[in-house]
Amino acid sequence: MRTILLLAPLAACAGGALHQATLVGQCAEQDTACSRRHPLAPLAIGARFHPELATDIAGTATPKLVLDSAAPDVLAVERGALVARAEGAAAVLISTDDGSVVDFVHVWALPITEITLARRDGDRVAGTVGLAVGEDVTLEPALWNGAQRLAGDADLAWTSDNAAAVALLPDGSAARRRIRARAPGKATITVALGDARTTLAIEVVP
């Protein structure tokens, strides 16, 4: 049986409903621009979210924290990551390893209705991108439900219909790809997850 551990909060601005813990996305230590430190958006169904947990309680050191989902059919917890399974909402419990609930956060899961592509600087790309042989551009997808951007890392399928002209290279991220222009020609890049997909035309010139 779980118990709720109520302690005096250090600050009124915290991620959990009890204002005693925060749950945000993991970011590289030097990545000051990382958007994953903002409040958690709804997760894309089929995506995983790797949270960073911290307590915000006056007079205490951070204990060992674990996650648990009140609705694992909607939002599962696998090896410390939140995995969106179906549309809906689930309470994510932030507990100590002895079962005491420190805080909880309600997390929504929504289906993907659109995928967009952007450069590393955040500029969205669409239509046709021109590259010279030997050039490359790194593209990062964004997942959307209507006008709302979704959170989570998804195993997107990237394909090029002309690999001789345009190669898709891994970039250390499951989502991003480096588009390398190999030879003059045209190619269509397709990025898909389930029924959602987007395409981008690449034209390579000498």
N, C-alpha and C. Protein backbone atom coordinates (compact mmCIF):
# COMPACT_ATOMS: atom_id res chain seq x y z
N MET A 1 0.85 -1.19 0.00
CA MET A 1 0.00 0.00 0.00
C MET A 1 0.89 1.24 0.00
N ARG A 2 0.59 2.19 -0.88
CA ARG A 2 1.38 3.40 -0.97
C ARG A 2 0.89 4.44 0.03
N THR A 3 1.82 5.21 0.56
CA THR A 3 1.48 6.33 1.44
C THR A 3 1.92 7.62 0.76
N ILE A 4 1.21 8.70 1.03
CA ILE A 4 1.56 10.00 0.48
C ILE A 4 2.41 10.75 1.49
N LEU A 5 3.61 11.14 1.06
CA LEU A 5 4.56 11.82 1.93
C LEU A 5 4.37 13.31 1.74
N LEU A 6 3.77 13.99 2.71
CA LEU A 6 3.51 15.42 2.63
C LEU A 6 4.55 16.17 3.45
N LEU A 7 5.36 16.98 2.76
CA LEU A 7 6.37 17.80 3.40
C LEU A 7 6.19 19.24 2.97
N ALA A 8 6.75 20.15 3.72
CA ALA A 8 6.61 21.56 3.37
C ALA A 8 7.33 21.84 2.06
N PRO A 9 6.66 22.45 1.08
CA PRO A 9 7.30 22.72 -0.20
C PRO A 9 8.31 23.85 -0.10
N LEU A 10 9.36 23.75 -0.89
CA LEU A 10 10.38 24.78 -0.94
C LEU A 10 9.90 25.97 -1.77
N ALA A 11 9.17 25.70 -2.83
CA ALA A 11 8.70 26.78 -3.69
C ALA A 11 7.33 26.45 -4.21
N ALA A 12 6.57 27.47 -4.54
CA ALA A 12 5.22 27.24 -5.03
C ALA A 12 5.20 26.81 -6.48
N CYS A 13 6.32 26.99 -7.17
CA CYS A 13 6.37 26.67 -8.60
C CYS A 13 7.13 25.36 -8.80
N ALA A 14 6.41 24.25 -8.90
CA ALA A 14 7.02 22.95 -9.11
C ALA A 14 6.14 22.16 -10.05
N GLY A 15 6.68 21.06 -10.60
CA GLY A 15 5.95 20.34 -11.63
C GLY A 15 4.80 19.51 -11.12
N GLY A 16 4.94 18.92 -9.93
CA GLY A 16 3.92 18.02 -9.43
C GLY A 16 2.75 18.73 -8.79
N ALA A 17 1.63 17.99 -8.61
CA ALA A 17 0.43 18.58 -8.02
C ALA A 17 0.65 18.97 -6.58
N LEU A 18 1.55 18.28 -5.86
CA LEU A 18 1.83 18.59 -4.47
C LEU A 18 2.98 19.59 -4.31
N HIS A 19 3.54 20.05 -5.44
CA HIS A 19 4.63 21.04 -5.45
C HIS A 19 5.85 20.54 -4.69
N GLN A 20 6.13 19.24 -4.78
CA GLN A 20 7.27 18.69 -4.07
C GLN A 20 8.28 18.02 -5.00
N ALA A 21 7.93 17.87 -6.28
CA ALA A 21 8.86 17.24 -7.22
C ALA A 21 8.59 17.78 -8.62
N THR A 22 9.60 17.66 -9.48
CA THR A 22 9.45 18.08 -10.87
C THR A 22 9.77 16.91 -11.78
N LEU A 23 9.16 16.91 -12.95
CA LEU A 23 9.38 15.89 -13.96
C LEU A 23 9.52 16.59 -15.29
N VAL A 24 10.75 16.67 -15.80
CA VAL A 24 11.01 17.31 -17.09
C VAL A 24 11.87 16.37 -17.92
N GLY A 25 12.05 16.73 -19.20
CA GLY A 25 12.85 15.90 -20.08
C GLY A 25 14.34 16.03 -19.80
N GLN A 26 15.09 14.98 -20.10
CA GLN A 26 16.53 15.02 -19.91
C GLN A 26 17.17 15.89 -20.98
N CYS A 27 18.18 16.63 -20.59
CA CYS A 27 18.95 17.46 -21.50
C CYS A 27 20.42 17.29 -21.21
N ALA A 28 21.24 17.50 -22.24
CA ALA A 28 22.68 17.47 -22.02
C ALA A 28 23.07 18.59 -21.05
N GLU A 29 24.09 18.35 -20.25
CA GLU A 29 24.46 19.27 -19.19
C GLU A 29 24.76 20.67 -19.73
N GLN A 30 25.39 20.77 -20.90
CA GLN A 30 25.77 22.06 -21.46
C GLN A 30 24.74 22.62 -22.43
N ASP A 31 23.63 21.92 -22.62
CA ASP A 31 22.63 22.34 -23.61
C ASP A 31 21.66 23.31 -22.95
N THR A 32 22.05 24.60 -22.88
CA THR A 32 21.22 25.59 -22.19
C THR A 32 19.94 25.91 -22.94
N ALA A 33 19.89 25.60 -24.23
CA ALA A 33 18.71 25.91 -25.04
C ALA A 33 17.74 24.74 -25.12
N CYS A 34 18.00 23.67 -24.41
CA CYS A 34 17.20 22.46 -24.54
C CYS A 34 15.74 22.74 -24.16
N SER A 35 14.83 22.48 -25.10
CA SER A 35 13.42 22.77 -24.88
C SER A 35 12.75 21.74 -23.98
N ARG A 36 13.44 20.61 -23.75
CA ARG A 36 12.80 19.55 -22.97
C ARG A 36 12.74 19.87 -21.48
N ARG A 37 13.34 21.00 -21.06
CA ARG A 37 13.23 21.39 -19.67
C ARG A 37 11.93 22.14 -19.36
N HIS A 38 11.15 22.43 -20.39
CA HIS A 38 9.88 23.10 -20.18
C HIS A 38 8.84 22.09 -19.67
N PRO A 39 7.69 22.57 -19.15
CA PRO A 39 6.67 21.65 -18.67
C PRO A 39 6.29 20.62 -19.72
N LEU A 40 5.97 19.44 -19.27
CA LEU A 40 5.73 18.31 -20.16
C LEU A 40 4.47 18.49 -20.99
N ALA A 41 4.63 18.43 -22.31
CA ALA A 41 3.49 18.46 -23.22
C ALA A 41 2.87 17.07 -23.30
N PRO A 42 1.67 16.92 -23.88
CA PRO A 42 1.14 15.57 -24.09
C PRO A 42 2.12 14.73 -24.89
N LEU A 43 2.19 13.45 -24.58
CA LEU A 43 3.09 12.55 -25.28
C LEU A 43 2.43 12.02 -26.54
N ALA A 44 3.23 11.85 -27.58
CA ALA A 44 2.74 11.26 -28.82
C ALA A 44 2.59 9.76 -28.63
N ILE A 45 1.46 9.21 -29.05
CA ILE A 45 1.26 7.77 -28.95
C ILE A 45 2.33 7.07 -29.78
N GLY A 46 3.00 6.11 -29.16
CA GLY A 46 4.09 5.41 -29.80
C GLY A 46 5.45 5.98 -29.46
N ALA A 47 5.47 7.09 -28.70
CA ALA A 47 6.73 7.73 -28.34
C ALA A 47 7.12 7.42 -26.90
N ARG A 48 8.40 7.64 -26.60
CA ARG A 48 8.94 7.45 -25.27
C ARG A 48 9.45 8.79 -24.74
N PHE A 49 9.31 8.98 -23.43
CA PHE A 49 9.80 10.20 -22.79
C PHE A 49 10.70 9.80 -21.63
N HIS A 50 11.94 10.28 -21.68
CA HIS A 50 12.91 9.96 -20.63
C HIS A 50 12.96 11.12 -19.65
N PRO A 51 12.34 10.98 -18.48
CA PRO A 51 12.23 12.12 -17.58
C PRO A 51 13.46 12.29 -16.69
N GLU A 52 13.58 13.52 -16.22
CA GLU A 52 14.56 13.86 -15.20
C GLU A 52 13.77 14.24 -13.97
N LEU A 53 14.00 13.55 -12.86
CA LEU A 53 13.23 13.76 -11.63
C LEU A 53 14.06 14.53 -10.61
N ALA A 54 13.39 15.39 -9.86
CA ALA A 54 14.06 16.10 -8.77
C ALA A 54 13.02 16.47 -7.73
N THR A 55 13.42 16.42 -6.46
CA THR A 55 12.53 16.88 -5.40
C THR A 55 12.79 18.36 -5.15
N ASP A 56 11.80 19.00 -4.58
CA ASP A 56 11.88 20.44 -4.32
C ASP A 56 11.32 20.68 -2.92
N ILE A 57 11.95 20.05 -1.94
CA ILE A 57 11.43 20.04 -0.58
C ILE A 57 12.47 20.65 0.37
N ALA A 58 12.07 21.63 1.14
CA ALA A 58 13.00 22.31 2.04
C ALA A 58 13.52 21.36 3.11
N GLY A 59 14.83 21.42 3.35
CA GLY A 59 15.42 20.68 4.45
C GLY A 59 15.65 19.21 4.19
N THR A 60 15.55 18.77 2.92
CA THR A 60 15.77 17.36 2.62
C THR A 60 16.73 17.22 1.46
N ALA A 61 17.47 16.11 1.48
CA ALA A 61 18.26 15.73 0.31
C ALA A 61 17.37 14.93 -0.63
N THR A 62 17.77 14.85 -1.91
CA THR A 62 16.95 14.13 -2.89
C THR A 62 17.02 12.63 -2.61
N PRO A 63 15.88 11.98 -2.34
CA PRO A 63 15.88 10.53 -2.13
C PRO A 63 15.90 9.80 -3.46
N LYS A 64 16.00 8.48 -3.42
CA LYS A 64 15.87 7.69 -4.63
C LYS A 64 14.41 7.72 -5.06
N LEU A 65 14.16 8.11 -6.31
CA LEU A 65 12.80 8.29 -6.81
C LEU A 65 12.50 7.28 -7.90
N VAL A 66 11.25 6.82 -7.92
CA VAL A 66 10.79 5.88 -8.95
C VAL A 66 9.45 6.39 -9.50
N LEU A 67 9.13 5.95 -10.71
CA LEU A 67 7.88 6.32 -11.35
C LEU A 67 6.93 5.13 -11.40
N ASP A 68 5.65 5.43 -11.35
CA ASP A 68 4.63 4.40 -11.52
C ASP A 68 3.44 5.06 -12.19
N SER A 69 2.75 4.31 -13.05
CA SER A 69 1.59 4.84 -13.77
C SER A 69 0.31 4.24 -13.20
N ALA A 70 -0.68 5.10 -13.01
CA ALA A 70 -1.99 4.63 -12.54
C ALA A 70 -2.80 3.99 -13.65
N ALA A 71 -2.40 4.20 -14.91
CA ALA A 71 -3.12 3.62 -16.06
C ALA A 71 -2.09 3.14 -17.08
N PRO A 72 -1.46 1.99 -16.82
CA PRO A 72 -0.40 1.51 -17.71
C PRO A 72 -0.86 1.18 -19.12
N ASP A 73 -2.17 0.97 -19.32
CA ASP A 73 -2.65 0.73 -20.68
C ASP A 73 -2.62 2.02 -21.51
N VAL A 74 -2.63 3.17 -20.86
CA VAL A 74 -2.52 4.47 -21.52
C VAL A 74 -1.08 4.94 -21.53
N LEU A 75 -0.44 4.86 -20.37
CA LEU A 75 0.93 5.35 -20.21
C LEU A 75 1.70 4.35 -19.35
N ALA A 76 2.63 3.65 -19.98
CA ALA A 76 3.41 2.65 -19.27
C ALA A 76 4.74 3.24 -18.80
N VAL A 77 5.35 2.60 -17.82
CA VAL A 77 6.68 2.97 -17.36
C VAL A 77 7.60 1.79 -17.67
N GLU A 78 8.58 2.02 -18.53
CA GLU A 78 9.51 0.97 -18.92
C GLU A 78 10.94 1.45 -18.75
N ARG A 79 11.66 0.83 -17.82
CA ARG A 79 13.06 1.18 -17.55
C ARG A 79 13.24 2.67 -17.30
N GLY A 80 12.32 3.23 -16.54
CA GLY A 80 12.40 4.62 -16.18
C GLY A 80 11.85 5.60 -17.19
N ALA A 81 11.40 5.11 -18.36
CA ALA A 81 10.84 5.98 -19.40
C ALA A 81 9.32 5.85 -19.42
N LEU A 82 8.65 6.95 -19.78
CA LEU A 82 7.21 6.93 -19.98
C LEU A 82 6.93 6.58 -21.44
N VAL A 83 6.04 5.62 -21.66
CA VAL A 83 5.73 5.16 -23.01
C VAL A 83 4.23 5.34 -23.25
N ALA A 84 3.87 6.16 -24.24
CA ALA A 84 2.47 6.43 -24.54
C ALA A 84 1.89 5.27 -25.35
N ARG A 85 0.86 4.62 -24.81
CA ARG A 85 0.26 3.45 -25.45
C ARG A 85 -1.06 3.76 -26.15
N ALA A 86 -1.88 4.61 -25.55
CA ALA A 86 -3.22 4.87 -26.09
C ALA A 86 -3.66 6.26 -25.68
N GLU A 87 -4.65 6.79 -26.40
CA GLU A 87 -5.12 8.14 -26.10
C GLU A 87 -5.79 8.17 -24.73
N GLY A 88 -5.49 9.24 -23.99
CA GLY A 88 -6.07 9.38 -22.66
C GLY A 88 -5.11 10.08 -21.73
N ALA A 89 -5.39 9.97 -20.43
CA ALA A 89 -4.55 10.59 -19.41
C ALA A 89 -4.28 9.58 -18.31
N ALA A 90 -3.13 9.74 -17.67
CA ALA A 90 -2.77 8.85 -16.56
C ALA A 90 -2.03 9.66 -15.52
N ALA A 91 -2.26 9.34 -14.27
CA ALA A 91 -1.50 9.93 -13.18
C ALA A 91 -0.18 9.19 -13.07
N VAL A 92 0.92 9.94 -13.12
CA VAL A 92 2.25 9.37 -12.94
C VAL A 92 2.70 9.68 -11.52
N LEU A 93 2.89 8.63 -10.73
CA LEU A 93 3.27 8.80 -9.34
C LEU A 93 4.78 8.88 -9.23
N ILE A 94 5.26 9.85 -8.48
CA ILE A 94 6.68 9.99 -8.17
C ILE A 94 6.85 9.56 -6.72
N SER A 95 7.51 8.43 -6.52
CA SER A 95 7.58 7.82 -5.20
C SER A 95 9.02 7.56 -4.79
N THR A 96 9.22 7.38 -3.50
CA THR A 96 10.50 6.88 -3.01
C THR A 96 10.48 5.36 -3.15
N ASP A 97 11.65 4.74 -3.02
CA ASP A 97 11.70 3.30 -3.25
C ASP A 97 11.02 2.49 -2.15
N ASP A 98 10.59 3.15 -1.05
CA ASP A 98 9.83 2.43 -0.03
C ASP A 98 8.33 2.55 -0.25
N GLY A 99 7.92 3.17 -1.37
CA GLY A 99 6.50 3.25 -1.71
C GLY A 99 5.82 4.53 -1.27
N SER A 100 6.53 5.47 -0.67
CA SER A 100 5.91 6.73 -0.25
C SER A 100 5.80 7.67 -1.45
N VAL A 101 4.59 8.13 -1.74
CA VAL A 101 4.35 9.02 -2.87
C VAL A 101 4.76 10.43 -2.49
N VAL A 102 5.75 10.96 -3.21
CA VAL A 102 6.22 12.32 -2.99
C VAL A 102 5.36 13.32 -3.74
N ASP A 103 4.97 12.95 -4.97
CA ASP A 103 4.19 13.85 -5.81
C ASP A 103 3.57 13.05 -6.94
N PHE A 104 2.74 13.70 -7.74
CA PHE A 104 2.19 13.05 -8.92
C PHE A 104 1.91 14.10 -9.98
N VAL A 105 1.94 13.66 -11.24
CA VAL A 105 1.71 14.52 -12.38
C VAL A 105 0.75 13.81 -13.33
N HIS A 106 -0.25 14.51 -13.81
CA HIS A 106 -1.13 13.93 -14.83
C HIS A 106 -0.53 14.17 -16.21
N VAL A 107 -0.39 13.10 -16.98
CA VAL A 107 0.22 13.17 -18.30
C VAL A 107 -0.78 12.67 -19.34
N TRP A 108 -0.92 13.42 -20.41
CA TRP A 108 -1.84 13.05 -21.49
C TRP A 108 -1.08 12.39 -22.63
N ALA A 109 -1.77 11.51 -23.34
CA ALA A 109 -1.23 10.89 -24.56
C ALA A 109 -2.21 11.15 -25.69
N LEU A 110 -1.67 11.59 -26.84
CA LEU A 110 -2.51 11.94 -27.98
C LEU A 110 -1.94 11.34 -29.26
N PRO A 111 -2.78 11.04 -30.23
CA PRO A 111 -2.28 10.52 -31.51
C PRO A 111 -1.60 11.61 -32.33
N ILE A 112 -0.69 11.20 -33.19
CA ILE A 112 0.01 12.13 -34.08
C ILE A 112 -0.87 12.38 -35.31
N THR A 113 -1.14 13.65 -35.59
CA THR A 113 -1.90 14.00 -36.79
C THR A 113 -1.02 14.64 -37.86
N GLU A 114 0.17 15.10 -37.47
CA GLU A 114 1.05 15.75 -38.44
C GLU A 114 2.49 15.64 -37.98
N ILE A 115 3.40 15.52 -38.95
CA ILE A 115 4.84 15.55 -38.70
C ILE A 115 5.43 16.69 -39.51
N THR A 116 6.22 17.54 -38.87
CA THR A 116 6.91 18.59 -39.60
C THR A 116 8.42 18.42 -39.41
N LEU A 117 9.19 19.07 -40.28
CA LEU A 117 10.64 18.97 -40.24
C LEU A 117 11.24 20.35 -40.07
N ALA A 118 12.34 20.42 -39.31
CA ALA A 118 13.01 21.70 -39.08
C ALA A 118 14.52 21.48 -39.05
N ARG A 119 15.27 22.54 -39.35
CA ARG A 119 16.72 22.51 -39.21
C ARG A 119 17.08 22.56 -37.73
N ARG A 120 18.37 22.38 -37.44
CA ARG A 120 18.81 22.41 -36.05
C ARG A 120 18.54 23.75 -35.38
N ASP A 121 18.51 24.85 -36.18
CA ASP A 121 18.26 26.17 -35.59
C ASP A 121 16.77 26.43 -35.36
N GLY A 122 15.92 25.46 -35.70
CA GLY A 122 14.49 25.59 -35.45
C GLY A 122 13.68 26.04 -36.64
N ASP A 123 14.33 26.49 -37.72
CA ASP A 123 13.58 26.91 -38.90
C ASP A 123 12.91 25.72 -39.57
N ARG A 124 11.59 25.83 -39.78
CA ARG A 124 10.85 24.75 -40.42
C ARG A 124 11.16 24.71 -41.91
N VAL A 125 11.25 23.51 -42.45
CA VAL A 125 11.51 23.35 -43.88
C VAL A 125 10.34 22.59 -44.51
N ALA A 126 10.03 22.95 -45.75
CA ALA A 126 8.96 22.29 -46.50
C ALA A 126 9.19 22.56 -47.97
N GLY A 127 8.47 21.83 -48.81
CA GLY A 127 8.62 22.03 -50.26
C GLY A 127 9.87 21.36 -50.77
N THR A 128 10.81 22.17 -51.29
CA THR A 128 12.05 21.63 -51.87
C THR A 128 13.26 22.28 -51.22
N VAL A 129 14.26 21.46 -50.91
CA VAL A 129 15.53 21.94 -50.36
C VAL A 129 16.61 21.65 -51.40
N GLY A 130 17.38 22.66 -51.76
CA GLY A 130 18.46 22.49 -52.71
C GLY A 130 19.80 22.33 -52.00
N LEU A 131 20.58 21.35 -52.43
CA LEU A 131 21.91 21.10 -51.87
C LEU A 131 22.90 20.91 -53.00
N ALA A 132 24.14 21.30 -52.77
CA ALA A 132 25.22 20.99 -53.70
C ALA A 132 25.85 19.67 -53.28
N VAL A 133 26.44 18.97 -54.23
CA VAL A 133 27.10 17.69 -53.92
C VAL A 133 28.12 17.90 -52.79
N GLY A 134 28.03 17.04 -51.78
CA GLY A 134 28.92 17.14 -50.63
C GLY A 134 28.34 17.91 -49.47
N GLU A 135 27.28 18.67 -49.70
CA GLU A 135 26.63 19.41 -48.60
C GLU A 135 25.72 18.48 -47.81
N ASP A 136 25.43 18.89 -46.60
CA ASP A 136 24.44 18.16 -45.81
C ASP A 136 23.66 19.14 -44.95
N VAL A 137 22.51 18.66 -44.48
CA VAL A 137 21.66 19.44 -43.58
C VAL A 137 21.06 18.46 -42.58
N THR A 138 21.04 18.87 -41.31
CA THR A 138 20.46 18.03 -40.28
C THR A 138 19.01 18.44 -40.05
N LEU A 139 18.12 17.47 -40.10
CA LEU A 139 16.69 17.72 -39.94
C LEU A 139 16.18 17.02 -38.70
N GLU A 140 15.30 17.71 -38.01
CA GLU A 140 14.69 17.17 -36.79
C GLU A 140 13.18 17.23 -36.92
N PRO A 141 12.49 16.12 -36.67
CA PRO A 141 11.03 16.13 -36.80
C PRO A 141 10.35 16.69 -35.56
N ALA A 142 9.17 17.22 -35.76
CA ALA A 142 8.29 17.61 -34.66
C ALA A 142 6.96 16.89 -34.86
N LEU A 143 6.39 16.41 -33.77
CA LEU A 143 5.14 15.66 -33.81
C LEU A 143 4.01 16.54 -33.30
N TRP A 144 2.87 16.49 -33.97
CA TRP A 144 1.77 17.40 -33.64
C TRP A 144 0.44 16.65 -33.55
N ASN A 145 -0.44 17.18 -32.71
CA ASN A 145 -1.86 16.83 -32.71
C ASN A 145 -2.61 18.12 -32.92
N GLY A 146 -3.07 18.35 -34.16
CA GLY A 146 -3.64 19.65 -34.46
C GLY A 146 -2.59 20.73 -34.33
N ALA A 147 -2.89 21.76 -33.53
CA ALA A 147 -1.96 22.87 -33.32
C ALA A 147 -1.06 22.65 -32.11
N GLN A 148 -1.18 21.51 -31.45
CA GLN A 148 -0.41 21.27 -30.24
C GLN A 148 0.77 20.36 -30.52
N ARG A 149 1.96 20.83 -30.17
CA ARG A 149 3.15 20.00 -30.35
C ARG A 149 3.20 18.94 -29.25
N LEU A 150 3.61 17.74 -29.64
CA LEU A 150 3.66 16.62 -28.72
C LEU A 150 5.09 16.34 -28.30
N ALA A 151 5.22 15.74 -27.13
CA ALA A 151 6.53 15.40 -26.58
C ALA A 151 6.83 13.93 -26.84
N GLY A 152 8.09 13.56 -26.62
CA GLY A 152 8.49 12.17 -26.72
C GLY A 152 9.41 11.89 -27.89
N ASP A 153 10.22 10.85 -27.73
CA ASP A 153 11.12 10.39 -28.78
C ASP A 153 10.47 9.18 -29.46
N ALA A 154 10.28 9.27 -30.76
CA ALA A 154 9.60 8.21 -31.49
C ALA A 154 10.54 7.56 -32.49
N ASP A 155 10.31 6.28 -32.75
CA ASP A 155 11.09 5.55 -33.75
C ASP A 155 10.49 5.81 -35.13
N LEU A 156 10.82 6.95 -35.68
CA LEU A 156 10.29 7.33 -36.98
C LEU A 156 11.01 6.57 -38.09
N ALA A 157 10.30 6.30 -39.16
CA ALA A 157 10.89 5.64 -40.33
C ALA A 157 11.28 6.71 -41.35
N TRP A 158 12.58 6.80 -41.66
CA TRP A 158 13.09 7.74 -42.66
C TRP A 158 13.46 6.95 -43.91
N THR A 159 13.00 7.40 -45.07
CA THR A 159 13.36 6.73 -46.32
C THR A 159 13.67 7.77 -47.39
N SER A 160 14.58 7.39 -48.30
CA SER A 160 14.91 8.20 -49.48
C SER A 160 14.64 7.35 -50.71
N ASP A 161 13.92 7.91 -51.69
CA ASP A 161 13.61 7.13 -52.88
C ASP A 161 14.74 7.19 -53.92
N ASN A 162 15.85 7.86 -53.58
CA ASN A 162 17.00 7.92 -54.47
C ASN A 162 18.26 7.98 -53.60
N ALA A 163 18.66 6.83 -53.07
CA ALA A 163 19.80 6.78 -52.16
C ALA A 163 21.10 7.13 -52.85
N ALA A 164 21.16 6.99 -54.17
CA ALA A 164 22.38 7.35 -54.90
C ALA A 164 22.61 8.86 -54.86
N ALA A 165 21.52 9.63 -54.83
CA ALA A 165 21.64 11.09 -54.81
C ALA A 165 21.64 11.65 -53.40
N VAL A 166 20.82 11.06 -52.51
CA VAL A 166 20.65 11.60 -51.16
C VAL A 166 20.73 10.45 -50.15
N ALA A 167 21.66 10.58 -49.21
CA ALA A 167 21.82 9.57 -48.16
C ALA A 167 21.24 10.10 -46.85
N LEU A 168 20.69 9.18 -46.05
CA LEU A 168 20.17 9.51 -44.73
C LEU A 168 21.14 8.94 -43.69
N LEU A 169 21.79 9.82 -42.94
CA LEU A 169 22.81 9.40 -42.00
C LEU A 169 22.33 9.61 -40.57
N PRO A 170 22.60 8.68 -39.66
CA PRO A 170 22.24 8.88 -38.25
C PRO A 170 23.00 10.04 -37.65
N ASP A 171 22.39 10.68 -36.65
CA ASP A 171 22.99 11.86 -36.05
C ASP A 171 23.07 11.73 -34.53
N GLY A 172 23.12 10.48 -34.04
CA GLY A 172 23.20 10.28 -32.61
C GLY A 172 21.88 10.37 -31.89
N SER A 173 20.82 10.62 -32.62
CA SER A 173 19.49 10.71 -32.04
C SER A 173 18.57 9.78 -32.82
N ALA A 174 17.63 9.17 -32.12
CA ALA A 174 16.68 8.27 -32.79
C ALA A 174 15.79 9.03 -33.75
N ALA A 175 15.62 10.34 -33.53
CA ALA A 175 14.71 11.12 -34.35
C ALA A 175 15.41 11.84 -35.50
N ARG A 176 16.55 12.46 -35.22
CA ARG A 176 17.20 13.30 -36.24
C ARG A 176 17.89 12.47 -37.31
N ARG A 177 18.08 13.10 -38.48
CA ARG A 177 18.88 12.53 -39.56
C ARG A 177 19.69 13.64 -40.22
N ARG A 178 20.89 13.27 -40.68
CA ARG A 178 21.71 14.17 -41.47
C ARG A 178 21.51 13.80 -42.93
N ILE A 179 21.06 14.75 -43.73
CA ILE A 179 20.77 14.53 -45.13
C ILE A 179 22.02 14.92 -45.93
N ARG A 180 22.68 13.94 -46.57
CA ARG A 180 23.91 14.18 -47.29
C ARG A 180 23.66 14.08 -48.80
N ALA A 181 24.05 15.15 -49.52
CA ALA A 181 23.93 15.17 -50.98
C ALA A 181 25.11 14.42 -51.59
N ARG A 182 24.83 13.32 -52.28
CA ARG A 182 25.89 12.46 -52.83
C ARG A 182 26.18 12.73 -54.30
N ALA A 183 25.14 12.91 -55.09
CA ALA A 183 25.30 13.05 -56.53
C ALA A 183 24.15 13.88 -57.08
N PRO A 184 24.35 14.54 -58.22
CA PRO A 184 23.26 15.34 -58.79
C PRO A 184 22.01 14.47 -59.04
N GLY A 185 20.87 15.07 -58.77
CA GLY A 185 19.62 14.35 -58.96
C GLY A 185 18.56 14.85 -58.00
N LYS A 186 17.41 14.20 -58.03
CA LYS A 186 16.29 14.55 -57.16
C LYS A 186 15.90 13.35 -56.31
N ALA A 187 15.45 13.64 -55.10
CA ALA A 187 15.01 12.57 -54.21
C ALA A 187 13.86 13.10 -53.34
N THR A 188 13.03 12.19 -52.90
CA THR A 188 11.96 12.53 -51.96
C THR A 188 12.24 11.81 -50.64
N ILE A 189 12.33 12.59 -49.57
CA ILE A 189 12.52 12.04 -48.24
C ILE A 189 11.15 11.87 -47.60
N THR A 190 10.89 10.69 -47.05
CA THR A 190 9.63 10.43 -46.35
C THR A 190 9.93 10.10 -44.90
N VAL A 191 9.19 10.74 -44.00
CA VAL A 191 9.31 10.48 -42.56
C VAL A 191 7.93 10.05 -42.07
N ALA A 192 7.85 8.89 -41.43
CA ALA A 192 6.53 8.35 -41.07
C ALA A 192 6.56 7.67 -39.71
N LEU A 193 5.40 7.69 -39.07
CA LEU A 193 5.14 6.92 -37.86
C LEU A 193 3.67 6.57 -37.88
N GLY A 194 3.37 5.27 -38.04
CA GLY A 194 1.98 4.86 -38.15
C GLY A 194 1.35 5.47 -39.40
N ASP A 195 0.19 6.10 -39.22
CA ASP A 195 -0.52 6.70 -40.35
C ASP A 195 -0.05 8.12 -40.65
N ALA A 196 0.75 8.70 -39.77
CA ALA A 196 1.22 10.07 -39.97
C ALA A 196 2.52 10.06 -40.77
N ARG A 197 2.63 10.95 -41.75
CA ARG A 197 3.84 11.01 -42.56
C ARG A 197 3.98 12.38 -43.18
N THR A 198 5.21 12.71 -43.55
CA THR A 198 5.49 13.94 -44.28
C THR A 198 6.58 13.65 -45.29
N THR A 199 6.64 14.46 -46.35
CA THR A 199 7.67 14.29 -47.38
C THR A 199 8.40 15.62 -47.61
N LEU A 200 9.62 15.49 -48.11
CA LEU A 200 10.41 16.67 -48.42
C LEU A 200 11.20 16.36 -49.70
N ALA A 201 11.13 17.28 -50.66
CA ALA A 201 11.85 17.10 -51.91
C ALA A 201 13.27 17.67 -51.76
N ILE A 202 14.25 16.92 -52.22
CA ILE A 202 15.65 17.34 -52.21
C ILE A 202 16.15 17.38 -53.65
N GLU A 203 16.74 18.50 -54.04
CA GLU A 203 17.34 18.62 -55.36
C GLU A 203 18.83 18.87 -55.20
N VAL A 204 19.64 17.97 -55.74
CA VAL A 204 21.09 18.06 -55.61
C VAL A 204 21.68 18.55 -56.93
N VAL A 205 22.50 19.59 -56.82
CA VAL A 205 23.14 20.16 -58.02
C VAL A 205 24.65 19.95 -57.91
N PRO A 206 25.36 19.94 -59.04
CA PRO A 206 26.81 19.71 -59.01
C PRO A 206 27.54 20.79 -58.19
